[in-house]
Amino acid sequence: MNGKCLIVSAPSGAGKTTLVHHLLEQDLGLEFSISACSRSPRGKEQDGKDYYFLGVEGFRQRISKDAFLEWEEVYPDQYYGTLKSEVERIWKQGKHVIFDVDVVGGLNLKNQFGEQAMAVFIQPPNEAALEARLRSRQTESEEKINLRLKKAGEELAFATRFDRVIVNDDLKVAQKEIESVVAAFLAP
């Protein structure tokens, strides 16, 4: 039996990962789909928990073997994608899949899963707040921050293509809103 899919997407720094973690702490029957990427771990990230860190060549090999539901080269030689085996693993457990993916990946997944999926876009209150969040991470160079801000401007234009948009201005409000929306979608 196949479950449902919840797709959460946002520009980098909008708070999607924080909201995904909040949803996973609720009793909603969700299991996190671990994305694959070609980059190295940042901070305390762990392979097989936060991402599958495949390296550039490992990622390209899996592309050639058609192992992904979707994948994208987000930045030069920085690939992100969703392994088919990951969704199968979660559905075998009788749970619903929750994806924490970039905007293009989210739309690709929504196209694949159709009505079986709900795509939620997390929108920052404004670009200044987004920049402040990216800088407060203290994990990336000025060049990377500027790349992410440029990309965020492009990604915000896709918000209307998602099933729901949640503005993450006040975290507690955003948590309640996404919890309510997701519970209604997952209800039998």
Protein backbone atom coordinates (compact mmCIF):
# COMPACT_ATOMS: atom_id res chain seq x y z
CA MET A 1 0.00 0.00 0.00
CA ASN A 2 1.29 3.43 -0.91
CA GLY A 3 0.98 6.28 1.54
CA LYS A 4 0.72 9.99 0.92
CA CYS A 5 3.54 12.47 0.38
CA LEU A 6 4.05 15.84 1.99
CA ILE A 7 6.45 18.08 0.09
CA VAL A 8 7.91 21.07 1.95
CA SER A 9 9.95 23.51 -0.14
CA ALA A 10 11.37 26.97 0.34
CA PRO A 11 14.29 29.19 -0.49
CA SER A 12 17.36 28.47 1.64
CA GLY A 13 16.94 30.11 5.05
CA ALA A 14 13.12 30.37 5.02
CA GLY A 15 12.77 27.83 7.84
CA LYS A 16 11.56 24.73 6.02
CA THR A 17 13.83 22.34 7.91
CA THR A 18 12.71 23.77 11.26
CA LEU A 19 9.06 23.29 10.27
CA VAL A 20 9.71 19.77 8.94
CA HIS A 21 11.33 18.81 12.27
CA HIS A 22 8.30 20.23 14.08
CA LEU A 23 5.96 18.07 11.98
CA LEU A 24 8.05 14.97 12.63
CA GLU A 25 7.65 15.55 16.39
CA GLN A 26 3.85 15.41 16.02
CA ASP A 27 1.92 12.14 15.89
CA LEU A 28 1.02 12.35 12.19
CA GLY A 29 2.52 9.10 10.83
CA LEU A 30 5.22 10.93 8.89
CA GLU A 31 8.71 9.64 8.12
CA PHE A 32 11.47 11.88 6.79
CA SER A 33 12.72 11.17 3.28
CA ILE A 34 16.46 11.59 3.43
CA SER A 35 17.65 13.41 0.33
CA ALA A 36 20.88 12.60 -1.45
CA CYS A 37 23.44 15.27 -2.28
CA SER A 38 26.90 15.62 -3.76
CA ARG A 39 28.27 18.08 -1.21
CA SER A 40 30.13 17.38 2.02
CA PRO A 41 28.43 17.49 5.42
CA ARG A 42 28.05 20.91 7.11
CA GLY A 43 28.33 21.36 10.85
CA LYS A 44 26.93 18.34 12.68
CA GLU A 45 25.20 16.77 9.67
CA GLN A 46 25.41 12.98 9.51
CA ASP A 47 25.35 10.66 6.51
CA GLY A 48 22.17 8.59 6.40
CA LYS A 49 20.43 10.90 8.87
CA ASP A 50 20.48 14.41 7.38
CA TYR A 51 21.45 13.46 3.81
CA TYR A 52 23.06 10.65 1.88
CA PHE A 53 26.39 12.33 1.04
CA LEU A 54 27.30 10.68 -2.27
CA GLY A 55 29.99 12.98 -3.68
CA VAL A 56 29.81 14.29 -7.24
CA GLU A 57 30.83 11.01 -8.91
CA GLY A 58 28.63 8.85 -6.69
CA PHE A 59 25.67 11.09 -7.46
CA ARG A 60 26.33 10.98 -11.21
CA GLN A 61 26.57 7.18 -11.11
CA ARG A 62 23.14 6.94 -9.51
CA ILE A 63 21.73 9.30 -12.14
CA SER A 64 22.99 6.95 -14.84
CA LYS A 65 21.33 4.00 -13.03
CA ASP A 66 17.96 5.84 -12.87
CA ALA A 67 17.97 5.62 -9.06
CA PHE A 68 16.26 8.99 -8.50
CA LEU A 69 12.62 10.09 -8.51
CA GLU A 70 13.95 13.58 -9.13
CA TRP A 71 17.29 15.32 -9.01
CA GLU A 72 18.73 18.70 -9.81
CA GLU A 73 22.09 20.37 -10.18
CA VAL A 74 21.27 23.26 -7.85
CA TYR A 75 24.69 24.91 -8.20
CA PRO A 76 27.61 23.79 -10.39
CA ASP A 77 28.59 20.26 -9.21
CA GLN A 78 26.11 20.52 -6.31
CA TYR A 79 23.45 17.91 -6.88
CA TYR A 80 20.42 17.15 -4.73
CA GLY A 81 17.86 14.44 -5.32
CA THR A 82 15.34 11.92 -3.99
CA LEU A 83 16.20 8.24 -4.23
CA LYS A 84 13.37 5.91 -5.27
CA SER A 85 14.52 3.44 -2.60
CA GLU A 86 13.89 6.03 0.12
CA VAL A 87 10.16 6.39 -0.65
CA GLU A 88 9.79 2.60 -0.92
CA ARG A 89 11.47 2.19 2.49
CA ILE A 90 9.03 4.59 4.16
CA TRP A 91 5.90 3.19 2.53
CA LYS A 92 6.92 -0.34 3.55
CA GLN A 93 6.82 0.93 7.16
CA GLY A 94 3.20 2.02 6.59
CA LYS A 95 4.06 5.71 6.98
CA HIS A 96 3.60 8.85 4.89
CA VAL A 97 6.65 10.47 3.30
CA ILE A 98 7.71 14.00 4.18
CA PHE A 99 10.16 15.68 1.81
CA ASP A 100 12.36 18.67 2.69
CA VAL A 101 13.46 19.71 -0.80
CA ASP A 102 14.35 22.74 -2.88
CA VAL A 103 11.64 24.48 -4.89
CA VAL A 104 12.27 22.85 -8.28
CA GLY A 105 12.59 19.41 -6.66
CA GLY A 106 9.33 19.99 -4.80
CA LEU A 107 7.47 20.82 -8.00
CA ASN A 108 8.99 17.79 -9.75
CA LEU A 109 7.82 15.52 -6.92
CA LYS A 110 4.33 17.07 -6.97
CA ASN A 111 4.12 16.40 -10.71
CA GLN A 112 5.09 12.75 -10.15
CA PHE A 113 2.79 12.03 -7.22
CA GLY A 114 -0.18 14.25 -8.20
CA GLU A 115 -3.14 14.05 -5.79
CA GLN A 116 -1.19 11.62 -3.60
CA ALA A 117 0.99 14.59 -2.57
CA MET A 118 0.53 18.03 -1.06
CA ALA A 119 3.20 20.64 -1.82
CA VAL A 120 3.73 23.37 0.79
CA PHE A 121 5.87 26.45 0.10
CA ILE A 122 7.47 28.14 3.12
CA GLN A 123 7.86 31.83 2.40
CA PRO A 124 10.10 34.18 4.38
CA PRO A 125 8.46 37.42 5.58
CA ASN A 126 10.87 39.40 3.36
CA GLU A 127 14.31 39.20 1.76
CA ALA A 128 16.02 41.07 4.62
CA ALA A 129 14.84 38.42 7.12
CA LEU A 130 16.04 35.71 4.76
CA GLU A 131 19.50 37.28 4.51
CA ALA A 132 19.71 37.66 8.30
CA ARG A 133 18.83 33.96 8.77
CA LEU A 134 21.44 32.84 6.25
CA ARG A 135 24.12 34.96 7.93
CA SER A 136 23.19 33.78 11.43
CA ARG A 137 23.95 30.17 10.42
CA GLN A 138 27.63 31.08 10.08
CA THR A 139 28.21 28.03 7.89
CA GLU A 140 28.90 29.61 4.51
CA SER A 141 31.13 32.11 2.76
CA GLU A 142 29.95 35.53 1.57
CA GLU A 143 30.00 34.20 -1.99
CA LYS A 144 27.69 31.27 -1.07
CA ILE A 145 25.33 33.56 0.82
CA ASN A 146 25.06 35.86 -2.20
CA LEU A 147 24.41 32.86 -4.48
CA ARG A 148 21.65 31.65 -2.14
CA LEU A 149 20.05 35.11 -1.99
CA LYS A 150 20.04 35.40 -5.79
CA LYS A 151 18.50 31.94 -6.09
CA ALA A 152 15.92 32.76 -3.39
CA GLY A 153 14.68 35.69 -5.46
CA GLU A 154 14.09 33.31 -8.38
CA GLU A 155 12.47 30.63 -6.18
CA LEU A 156 9.94 33.03 -4.61
CA ALA A 157 8.35 33.37 -8.04
CA PHE A 158 7.31 29.69 -7.88
CA ALA A 159 5.24 30.01 -4.67
CA THR A 160 1.92 30.19 -6.53
CA ARG A 161 2.53 26.76 -8.10
CA PHE A 162 2.34 25.07 -4.68
CA ASP A 163 -0.84 23.76 -3.03
CA ARG A 164 -0.30 25.92 0.07
CA VAL A 165 1.94 28.87 1.00
CA ILE A 166 2.85 29.47 4.64
CA VAL A 167 4.65 32.68 5.57
CA ASN A 168 7.21 31.97 8.27
CA ASP A 169 7.29 35.32 10.05
CA ASP A 170 6.38 34.09 13.55
CA LEU A 171 7.64 30.51 14.03
CA LYS A 172 4.91 29.48 16.52
CA VAL A 173 2.18 30.69 14.14
CA ALA A 174 3.81 28.94 11.16
CA GLN A 175 4.11 25.70 13.18
CA LYS A 176 0.40 25.73 14.08
CA GLU A 177 -0.62 26.54 10.52
CA ILE A 178 1.46 23.81 8.87
CA GLU A 179 0.38 21.27 11.49
CA SER A 180 -3.28 22.03 10.81
CA VAL A 181 -2.88 21.91 7.01
CA VAL A 182 -0.95 18.63 7.12
CA ALA A 183 -3.31 16.92 9.57
CA ALA A 184 -6.26 17.74 7.29
CA PHE A 185 -4.42 16.40 4.21
CA LEU A 186 -3.38 13.14 5.91
CA ALA A 187 -6.80 12.45 7.45
CA PRO A 188 -8.38 9.33 5.89
